[in-house]
Amino acid sequence: MSTLGLVILIAVALGFDFTNGFHDAANAVATSITTRALRPVTALTMAAGFNVLGALVSTKVAKTVGSGIIATPSGNSGLVVVFAALLGAIAWNLVTWRLGLPSSSTHALIGGLVGAALASAGTVKWHGLVDNVVIPMAVSPLIGLALGYLMMLAILWAFRRARPSRVNDRFRLAQRLSTAAMAYSHGTQDAQKTMGVITLALLITGHLRTFHVPLWVILAAAAAMGLGTFAGGWRIIQTVGSRITPLDPPRGFAAQTSAATVLLVSAYAYALPVSSTHVITASVMGAGATRRLSSVRWGVAREVVLAWILTIPGSALSAALGYLIVHSALNL
């Protein structure tokens, strides 16, 4: 039963990774599509490729997610915990995608782990949750907001005497690089969450003795993320690209570059599972605010922030219910 359960869980985990890809495709490509720096199909293909590349480079964040949030559960009941966490995260991704809200797949998965662990009377590592998730969740968007604002101010000053049309043409070309950087950083962050969950399941079933991510897990998660990204998340692309604030090529470049910087430093320097959704959305707000504060549609921004706040408790509740239903059905 454990082997069959493990196979099913891995399939569901890769399904979550796929939804993560199409849900968060907007993070990498929304600004470049909106500013017409790249055609939609070109942008999504490019994002998918760099997502895969980013996922192959490091597994630091995977270890934080797989071993730093909840204590490793055991047996079939442990598999149900991870399975329910994935179901809760997928459900939240689909709901927010349907509403066009750029919520965090990262926090949906973490909320799912917490909710399922609590429902199973398991142990949540609250200190690790606060240090690795809650504090970065609050701080990283503020850094993205400030960095996007400051970088755009620097661009405005550096090109203050240049013709606007020429500046836009230059930054449309530059956005090809910033799109690649954003997609790479997204893969480095987001695909690792699924790697961490699959590795946790392998620990539970005794296929691994210590927490390390096998190569086949890295390749499978990278591929699922890439395919999901190519599928695209058009509702969320519209929200990030145009509903929050009007974007031109310089502001798109500033937002993408700022967000990629925050994500890469978080992954490589601190191994923190930071939300790419939160960071790029805040960076877009910061870059847009350099035009004037009223150019940011703060009503839309409030809806986005509300989705951020509700993500962990919402996915935790979904996962807890999922655990109780599956646990009861299996008579564990």
Protein backbone atom coordinates (compact mmCIF):
# COMPACT_ATOMS: atom_id res chain seq x y z
CA MET A 1 0.00 0.00 0.00
CA SER A 2 2.85 2.37 0.76
CA THR A 3 4.36 1.85 -2.70
CA LEU A 4 1.06 2.51 -4.47
CA GLY A 5 0.41 5.47 -2.21
CA LEU A 6 3.86 6.85 -2.97
CA VAL A 7 3.30 6.58 -6.73
CA ILE A 8 -0.05 8.36 -6.44
CA LEU A 9 1.46 11.05 -4.22
CA ILE A 10 4.32 11.70 -6.66
CA ALA A 11 1.80 12.04 -9.50
CA VAL A 12 -0.27 14.51 -7.47
CA ALA A 13 2.89 16.43 -6.50
CA LEU A 14 3.86 16.80 -10.14
CA GLY A 15 0.28 17.86 -10.85
CA PHE A 16 0.70 20.59 -8.25
CA ASP A 17 3.98 21.59 -9.91
CA PHE A 18 2.13 21.88 -13.22
CA THR A 19 -0.56 24.12 -11.68
CA ASN A 20 2.25 26.12 -10.06
CA GLY A 21 3.73 26.64 -13.52
CA PHE A 22 0.59 27.92 -15.20
CA HIS A 23 -0.54 29.80 -12.09
CA ASP A 24 2.79 31.59 -11.72
CA ALA A 25 3.71 31.97 -15.40
CA ALA A 26 2.56 35.56 -15.00
CA ASN A 27 5.46 36.19 -12.63
CA ALA A 28 7.98 35.84 -15.42
CA VAL A 29 6.17 37.01 -18.53
CA ALA A 30 3.34 39.41 -17.68
CA THR A 31 5.37 42.60 -17.91
CA SER A 32 7.21 41.62 -21.11
CA ILE A 33 3.91 40.66 -22.81
CA THR A 34 2.18 43.84 -21.65
CA THR A 35 4.99 46.09 -22.93
CA ARG A 36 5.18 44.09 -26.19
CA ALA A 37 8.80 43.27 -25.57
CA LEU A 38 8.02 39.64 -26.42
CA ARG A 39 5.22 37.83 -28.20
CA PRO A 40 3.11 35.72 -25.79
CA VAL A 41 4.18 32.35 -27.20
CA THR A 42 7.84 33.42 -27.30
CA ALA A 43 7.66 34.73 -23.74
CA LEU A 44 6.04 31.55 -22.39
CA THR A 45 8.48 29.28 -24.25
CA MET A 46 11.41 31.29 -22.94
CA ALA A 47 9.99 31.27 -19.41
CA ALA A 48 9.43 27.52 -19.51
CA GLY A 49 13.01 26.88 -20.57
CA PHE A 50 14.59 29.11 -17.93
CA ASN A 51 12.21 27.74 -15.28
CA VAL A 52 13.62 24.28 -15.97
CA LEU A 53 17.19 25.56 -15.88
CA GLY A 54 16.63 27.32 -12.57
CA ALA A 55 15.08 24.20 -11.07
CA LEU A 56 18.16 22.13 -11.91
CA VAL A 57 20.73 24.33 -10.18
CA SER A 58 20.04 24.18 -6.42
CA THR A 59 18.06 22.23 -3.83
CA LYS A 60 18.55 24.47 -0.78
CA VAL A 61 14.95 25.68 -0.73
CA ALA A 62 13.69 22.09 -1.19
CA LYS A 63 15.37 21.11 2.07
CA THR A 64 13.77 24.02 3.91
CA VAL A 65 10.30 23.06 2.70
CA GLY A 66 10.73 19.31 3.11
CA SER A 67 12.34 19.29 6.56
CA GLY A 68 11.94 22.75 8.10
CA ILE A 69 8.15 23.22 8.33
CA ILE A 70 6.73 20.03 9.87
CA ALA A 71 8.27 17.03 11.63
CA THR A 72 8.62 14.05 9.30
CA PRO A 73 5.46 11.92 9.73
CA SER A 74 5.61 8.14 9.41
CA GLY A 75 3.83 5.30 7.64
CA ASN A 76 0.68 5.42 5.55
CA SER A 77 -0.74 8.14 7.75
CA GLY A 78 2.32 10.23 6.91
CA LEU A 79 1.68 9.81 3.20
CA VAL A 80 -1.89 10.99 3.75
CA VAL A 81 -0.52 14.12 5.44
CA VAL A 82 1.59 15.00 2.39
CA PHE A 83 -1.18 13.98 -0.02
CA ALA A 84 -3.70 16.21 1.79
CA ALA A 85 -1.22 19.09 1.80
CA LEU A 86 -0.92 18.84 -1.98
CA LEU A 87 -4.68 18.66 -2.45
CA GLY A 88 -5.15 21.78 -0.32
CA ALA A 89 -2.50 23.66 -2.30
CA ILE A 90 -3.92 22.59 -5.67
CA ALA A 91 -7.43 23.59 -4.64
CA TRP A 92 -6.22 27.04 -3.58
CA ASN A 93 -4.24 27.47 -6.82
CA LEU A 94 -7.28 26.66 -8.93
CA VAL A 95 -9.60 28.97 -7.00
CA THR A 96 -7.26 31.96 -7.16
CA TRP A 97 -6.43 31.26 -10.81
CA ARG A 98 -10.15 31.27 -11.62
CA LEU A 99 -10.47 34.64 -9.86
CA GLY A 100 -7.37 36.00 -11.60
CA LEU A 101 -5.58 36.67 -8.32
CA PRO A 102 -1.78 36.24 -8.21
CA SER A 103 -1.62 34.37 -4.90
CA SER A 104 1.39 32.38 -3.78
CA SER A 105 1.74 28.69 -4.71
CA THR A 106 4.62 28.60 -2.25
CA HIS A 107 2.46 29.63 0.68
CA ALA A 108 -0.41 27.45 -0.53
CA LEU A 109 1.83 24.39 -0.25
CA ILE A 110 3.26 25.45 3.11
CA GLY A 111 -0.24 26.17 4.42
CA GLY A 112 -1.29 22.75 3.19
CA LEU A 113 1.56 21.07 5.09
CA VAL A 114 0.66 22.94 8.27
CA GLY A 115 -3.07 22.19 8.01
CA ALA A 116 -2.59 18.49 7.28
CA ALA A 117 -0.02 18.14 10.08
CA LEU A 118 -2.36 19.76 12.59
CA ALA A 119 -5.28 17.58 11.47
CA SER A 120 -3.13 14.48 11.99
CA ALA A 121 -1.96 15.65 15.43
CA GLY A 122 1.52 15.96 13.96
CA THR A 123 4.20 18.46 14.88
CA VAL A 124 4.51 21.82 13.19
CA LYS A 125 7.92 23.45 13.57
CA TRP A 126 6.50 26.84 14.52
CA HIS A 127 9.90 28.45 14.96
CA GLY A 128 10.94 27.33 11.49
CA LEU A 129 7.59 28.44 10.07
CA VAL A 130 7.99 31.93 11.50
CA ASP A 131 11.66 32.32 10.57
CA ASN A 132 11.51 30.70 7.13
CA VAL A 133 8.03 31.69 5.96
CA VAL A 134 6.16 34.34 7.95
CA ILE A 135 8.97 36.89 8.31
CA PRO A 136 10.14 36.54 4.67
CA MET A 137 6.49 36.71 3.57
CA ALA A 138 6.22 40.16 5.19
CA VAL A 139 9.68 41.48 4.34
CA SER A 140 10.30 40.26 0.77
CA PRO A 141 7.43 42.21 -0.89
CA LEU A 142 8.57 45.38 0.89
CA ILE A 143 12.10 44.87 -0.43
CA GLY A 144 10.69 44.21 -3.91
CA LEU A 145 8.53 47.34 -3.70
CA ALA A 146 11.44 49.53 -2.60
CA LEU A 147 13.90 48.02 -5.07
CA GLY A 148 11.47 48.40 -7.98
CA TYR A 149 10.86 52.03 -7.05
CA LEU A 150 14.57 52.86 -6.63
CA MET A 151 15.64 51.06 -9.78
CA MET A 152 13.03 52.90 -11.82
CA LEU A 153 14.14 56.22 -10.33
CA ALA A 154 17.70 55.39 -11.39
CA ILE A 155 16.52 54.61 -14.93
CA LEU A 156 14.56 57.87 -15.11
CA TRP A 157 17.62 59.84 -14.01
CA ALA A 158 20.06 58.02 -16.30
CA PHE A 159 17.89 58.45 -19.39
CA ARG A 160 16.36 61.83 -18.54
CA ARG A 161 17.66 63.47 -21.73
CA ALA A 162 16.97 60.58 -24.08
CA ARG A 163 14.00 60.40 -26.42
CA PRO A 164 11.17 58.31 -24.88
CA SER A 165 10.70 56.26 -28.06
CA ARG A 166 14.37 55.33 -28.17
CA VAL A 167 14.37 54.46 -24.44
CA ASN A 168 11.35 52.20 -24.91
CA ASP A 169 13.01 50.40 -27.82
CA ARG A 170 16.17 49.80 -25.79
CA PHE A 171 14.31 48.49 -22.78
CA ARG A 172 12.15 46.18 -24.88
CA LEU A 173 15.41 44.48 -25.83
CA ALA A 174 16.62 44.58 -22.21
CA GLN A 175 13.39 42.90 -21.09
CA ARG A 176 14.46 39.74 -22.87
CA LEU A 177 17.25 39.48 -20.33
CA SER A 178 15.07 40.46 -17.36
CA THR A 179 12.40 37.94 -18.44
CA ALA A 180 15.05 35.22 -18.55
CA ALA A 181 16.34 36.25 -15.12
CA MET A 182 12.84 36.27 -13.65
CA ALA A 183 12.00 32.85 -15.13
CA TYR A 184 15.30 31.39 -13.91
CA SER A 185 14.74 32.74 -10.38
CA HIS A 186 11.17 31.44 -10.40
CA GLY A 187 12.40 27.95 -11.28
CA THR A 188 15.07 28.17 -8.59
CA GLN A 189 12.43 29.00 -6.00
CA ASP A 190 9.15 27.35 -6.96
CA ALA A 191 10.10 23.99 -8.47
CA GLN A 192 12.10 23.27 -5.33
CA LYS A 193 8.97 23.21 -3.19
CA THR A 194 7.68 20.19 -5.07
CA MET A 195 11.11 18.57 -4.87
CA GLY A 196 10.98 19.02 -1.11
CA VAL A 197 7.55 17.41 -0.80
CA ILE A 198 8.44 14.39 -2.96
CA THR A 199 11.67 13.91 -1.00
CA LEU A 200 9.68 14.08 2.24
CA ALA A 201 7.43 11.29 0.91
CA LEU A 202 10.49 9.21 0.04
CA LEU A 203 11.73 9.65 3.62
CA ILE A 204 8.35 8.61 5.03
CA THR A 205 8.31 5.40 2.99
CA GLY A 206 11.92 4.52 3.80
CA HIS A 207 13.24 4.97 0.26
CA LEU A 208 15.66 7.57 1.63
CA ARG A 209 17.47 7.58 4.97
CA THR A 210 18.53 11.22 4.97
CA PHE A 211 17.06 14.28 3.31
CA HIS A 212 18.68 14.71 -0.09
CA VAL A 213 16.90 15.31 -3.40
CA PRO A 214 17.49 12.54 -5.98
CA LEU A 215 18.32 13.58 -9.54
CA TRP A 216 15.15 12.04 -10.97
CA VAL A 217 13.06 14.14 -8.57
CA ILE A 218 14.86 17.30 -9.74
CA LEU A 219 14.29 16.42 -13.41
CA ALA A 220 10.62 15.49 -12.92
CA ALA A 221 9.82 18.65 -10.96
CA ALA A 222 11.66 20.81 -13.48
CA ALA A 223 9.80 19.25 -16.40
CA ALA A 224 6.37 19.60 -14.76
CA MET A 225 7.08 23.23 -13.90
CA GLY A 226 8.23 23.96 -17.44
CA LEU A 227 5.16 22.35 -19.03
CA GLY A 228 2.85 24.24 -16.69
CA THR A 229 4.56 27.51 -17.47
CA PHE A 230 4.18 26.93 -21.19
CA ALA A 231 0.46 26.30 -20.68
CA GLY A 232 0.22 29.87 -19.40
CA GLY A 233 -2.02 31.56 -16.86
CA TRP A 234 -3.69 34.26 -18.90
CA ARG A 235 -6.06 35.53 -16.21
CA ILE A 236 -3.19 36.25 -13.84
CA ILE A 237 -1.00 37.62 -16.64
CA GLN A 238 -3.66 40.28 -17.22
CA THR A 239 -3.79 41.17 -13.52
CA VAL A 240 -0.03 41.50 -13.05
CA GLY A 241 0.64 43.05 -16.44
CA SER A 242 -2.05 45.69 -16.70
CA ARG A 243 -4.63 45.77 -13.90
CA ILE A 244 -2.25 46.84 -11.10
CA THR A 245 -0.56 49.72 -12.93
CA PRO A 246 0.17 50.76 -16.53
CA LEU A 247 3.60 49.49 -17.57
CA ASP A 248 6.08 50.65 -20.17
CA PRO A 249 9.32 48.80 -21.09
CA PRO A 250 11.57 50.62 -18.55
CA ARG A 251 9.13 49.92 -15.70
CA GLY A 252 8.71 46.33 -16.83
CA PHE A 253 12.48 45.88 -16.83
CA ALA A 254 12.84 47.51 -13.41
CA ALA A 255 10.13 45.31 -11.89
CA GLN A 256 11.47 42.05 -13.33
CA THR A 257 15.09 42.78 -12.46
CA SER A 258 14.22 43.81 -8.90
CA ALA A 259 12.07 40.73 -8.32
CA ALA A 260 14.68 38.35 -9.78
CA THR A 261 17.33 39.87 -7.51
CA VAL A 262 15.23 39.33 -4.38
CA LEU A 263 14.35 35.75 -5.35
CA LEU A 264 17.90 34.70 -6.20
CA VAL A 265 19.41 36.19 -3.04
CA SER A 266 16.68 34.51 -0.94
CA ALA A 267 17.32 31.12 -2.56
CA TYR A 268 21.11 31.04 -2.71
CA ALA A 269 22.12 33.10 0.31
CA TYR A 270 19.39 32.15 2.80
CA ALA A 271 17.54 29.07 1.38
CA LEU A 272 14.22 30.81 2.09
CA PRO A 273 11.04 29.74 0.25
CA VAL A 274 10.07 33.27 -0.81
CA SER A 275 6.96 33.81 -2.93
CA SER A 276 7.80 34.85 -6.48
CA THR A 277 4.20 36.07 -6.82
CA HIS A 278 4.46 38.43 -3.88
CA VAL A 279 7.82 39.81 -4.94
CA ILE A 280 7.06 40.50 -8.61
CA THR A 281 3.66 42.02 -7.80
CA ALA A 282 5.21 44.35 -5.22
CA SER A 283 8.03 45.23 -7.63
CA VAL A 284 5.46 46.15 -10.29
CA MET A 285 3.75 48.42 -7.73
CA GLY A 286 7.07 50.05 -6.85
CA ALA A 287 8.06 50.67 -10.47
CA GLY A 288 4.59 51.99 -11.28
CA ALA A 289 4.53 54.35 -8.31
CA THR A 290 7.41 56.37 -9.79
CA ARG A 291 4.95 57.83 -12.28
CA ARG A 292 2.66 58.93 -9.47
CA LEU A 293 1.06 57.12 -6.54
CA SER A 294 -2.37 57.31 -8.12
CA SER A 295 -1.12 55.38 -11.17
CA VAL A 296 -1.19 52.22 -9.03
CA ARG A 297 -4.70 50.81 -8.82
CA TRP A 298 -4.70 50.36 -5.07
CA GLY A 299 -8.13 48.71 -5.10
CA VAL A 300 -6.74 45.86 -7.20
CA ALA A 301 -3.63 45.85 -5.02
CA ARG A 302 -5.81 45.41 -1.92
CA GLU A 303 -7.50 42.39 -3.50
CA VAL A 304 -4.10 40.88 -4.25
CA VAL A 305 -2.81 41.51 -0.71
CA LEU A 306 -6.00 40.02 0.76
CA ALA A 307 -5.38 36.87 -1.28
CA TRP A 308 -1.83 36.79 0.11
CA ILE A 309 -3.11 37.02 3.68
CA LEU A 310 -5.74 34.31 3.19
CA THR A 311 -3.50 31.85 1.33
CA ILE A 312 -1.88 30.03 4.25
CA PRO A 313 -5.02 29.70 6.42
CA GLY A 314 -7.20 28.93 3.37
CA SER A 315 -4.97 26.18 2.03
CA ALA A 316 -4.39 24.88 5.58
CA LEU A 317 -8.14 24.50 6.11
CA SER A 318 -8.54 22.76 2.73
CA ALA A 319 -5.70 20.38 3.53
CA ALA A 320 -7.04 19.62 7.01
CA LEU A 321 -10.43 18.71 5.57
CA GLY A 322 -8.73 16.64 2.88
CA TYR A 323 -6.73 14.76 5.51
CA LEU A 324 -9.80 13.95 7.60
CA ILE A 325 -11.73 12.71 4.56
CA VAL A 326 -8.92 10.55 3.13
CA HIS A 327 -7.85 9.24 6.56
CA SER A 328 -11.42 8.22 7.33
CA ALA A 329 -11.97 6.64 3.90
CA LEU A 330 -8.83 4.50 4.27
CA ASN A 331 -9.63 3.59 7.90
CA LEU A 332 -6.12 4.44 9.04
